């Protein structure tokens, strides 16, 4: 008795079963899809991670540096509390809350 599959049995196999010696197309499609999904989620993650930096653009240098450091800490530690702190620091103008003593206010300036 022959133990190999007959032509009728091969015809009844589902489309995803690859005959011996042929390229597995389903595996290749799933592998490419997996790589694309991983790249897409990575791009989405880094886009969301950059929101505080974009919010702080144009702010004072100290505020931008603080937001950047908090963003990096949250990125490397995977701790969302630092990211939320970076959002809050970027949203609130720190120079209005904590004015620098060296800055001269317009009412205090004298024309020379």
Protein backbone atom coordinates (compact mmCIF):
# COMPACT_ATOMS: atom_id res chain seq x y z
CA UNK A 1 0.00 0.00 0.00
CA UNK A 2 1.33 3.42 -0.98
CA UNK A 3 1.60 5.85 1.97
CA UNK A 4 1.82 9.01 -0.19
CA UNK A 5 -1.19 11.24 -0.66
CA UNK A 6 -3.25 10.77 -3.79
CA UNK A 7 -4.23 13.57 -6.14
CA UNK A 8 -7.77 13.53 -4.76
CA UNK A 9 -6.55 14.02 -1.21
CA UNK A 10 -4.29 16.91 -2.28
CA UNK A 11 -7.21 18.55 -4.09
CA UNK A 12 -9.29 18.55 -0.89
CA UNK A 13 -6.63 20.32 1.21
CA UNK A 14 -7.33 23.96 2.14
CA UNK A 15 -5.59 26.74 0.21
CA UNK A 16 -3.16 27.55 3.02
CA UNK A 17 -1.60 24.08 3.06
CA UNK A 18 1.50 24.18 0.89
CA UNK A 19 2.46 21.11 -1.10
CA UNK A 20 5.95 19.74 -0.39
CA UNK A 21 8.76 21.54 -2.19
CA UNK A 22 6.83 24.75 -2.91
CA UNK A 23 7.13 28.21 -1.37
CA UNK A 24 4.76 28.94 1.48
CA UNK A 25 3.06 32.11 0.26
CA UNK A 26 0.83 32.44 3.32
CA UNK A 27 3.87 32.51 5.62
CA UNK A 28 5.50 35.22 3.50
CA UNK A 29 2.32 37.36 3.49
CA UNK A 30 1.90 37.00 7.25
CA UNK A 31 5.58 37.85 7.82
CA UNK A 32 5.37 41.01 5.70
CA UNK A 33 2.11 41.98 7.40
CA UNK A 34 3.70 41.47 10.82
CA UNK A 35 6.67 43.69 9.93
CA UNK A 36 4.35 46.42 8.59
CA UNK A 37 2.14 46.31 11.69
CA UNK A 38 5.18 46.53 13.99
CA UNK A 39 6.60 49.48 12.05
CA UNK A 40 3.18 51.18 12.09
CA UNK A 41 2.77 50.78 15.84
CA UNK A 42 6.34 51.98 16.39
CA UNK A 43 5.71 55.10 14.31
CA UNK A 44 2.47 55.73 16.17
CA UNK A 45 4.19 55.28 19.54
CA UNK A 46 6.98 57.71 18.72
CA UNK A 47 4.49 60.21 17.28
CA UNK A 48 2.49 60.14 20.51
CA UNK A 49 5.71 60.28 22.53
CA UNK A 50 6.70 63.52 20.76
CA UNK A 51 3.49 65.40 21.65
CA UNK A 52 5.00 67.23 24.68
CA UNK A 53 8.03 68.32 22.63
CA UNK A 54 5.77 69.75 19.94
CA UNK A 55 3.67 71.52 22.55
CA UNK A 56 6.75 73.11 24.12
CA UNK A 57 8.15 74.36 20.82
CA UNK A 58 8.66 78.10 21.03
CA UNK A 59 8.67 78.17 24.83
CA UNK A 60 11.60 79.28 26.93
CA UNK A 61 14.77 77.22 26.71
CA UNK A 62 14.54 75.93 30.28
CA UNK A 63 10.97 74.76 29.75
CA UNK A 64 11.86 73.02 26.49
CA UNK A 65 14.81 71.27 28.16
CA UNK A 66 12.65 70.15 31.08
CA UNK A 67 10.01 68.76 28.73
CA UNK A 68 12.69 66.99 26.70
CA UNK A 69 14.29 65.40 29.75
CA UNK A 70 10.92 64.24 31.09
CA UNK A 71 10.08 62.80 27.67
CA UNK A 72 13.36 60.88 27.50
CA UNK A 73 12.93 59.54 31.01
CA UNK A 74 9.42 58.35 30.18
CA UNK A 75 10.67 56.78 26.95
CA UNK A 76 13.48 54.83 28.56
CA UNK A 77 11.67 53.84 31.76
CA UNK A 78 8.26 53.22 30.14
CA UNK A 79 6.75 55.17 33.04
CA UNK A 80 3.71 57.18 31.92
CA UNK A 81 3.86 59.51 34.91
CA UNK A 82 6.91 61.27 33.41
CA UNK A 83 5.10 61.67 30.07
CA UNK A 84 2.08 63.19 31.80
CA UNK A 85 4.40 65.51 33.72
CA UNK A 86 6.01 66.54 30.41
CA UNK A 87 2.56 67.32 28.96
CA UNK A 88 1.70 69.42 32.01
CA UNK A 89 5.01 71.29 31.93
CA UNK A 90 4.58 71.94 28.20
CA UNK A 91 1.00 73.14 28.62
CA UNK A 92 1.68 75.64 31.41
CA UNK A 93 3.96 78.60 30.63
CA UNK A 94 6.47 78.37 33.45
CA UNK A 95 7.90 81.85 32.89
CA UNK A 96 4.57 83.35 33.95
CA UNK A 97 4.29 81.25 37.10
CA UNK A 98 7.95 81.49 38.14
CA UNK A 99 9.29 84.77 36.74
CA UNK A 100 13.04 85.08 36.64
CA UNK A 101 14.48 87.76 38.90
CA UNK A 102 16.90 88.94 36.23
CA UNK A 103 14.17 89.76 33.71
CA UNK A 104 13.25 93.41 33.61
CA UNK A 105 9.54 94.12 33.44
CA UNK A 106 8.38 96.69 30.85
CA UNK A 107 7.19 99.07 33.59
CA UNK A 108 10.63 98.99 35.29
CA UNK A 109 12.67 99.71 32.17
CA UNK A 110 14.10 103.18 31.80
CA UNK A 111 14.93 104.86 28.55
CA UNK A 112 18.47 106.12 28.40
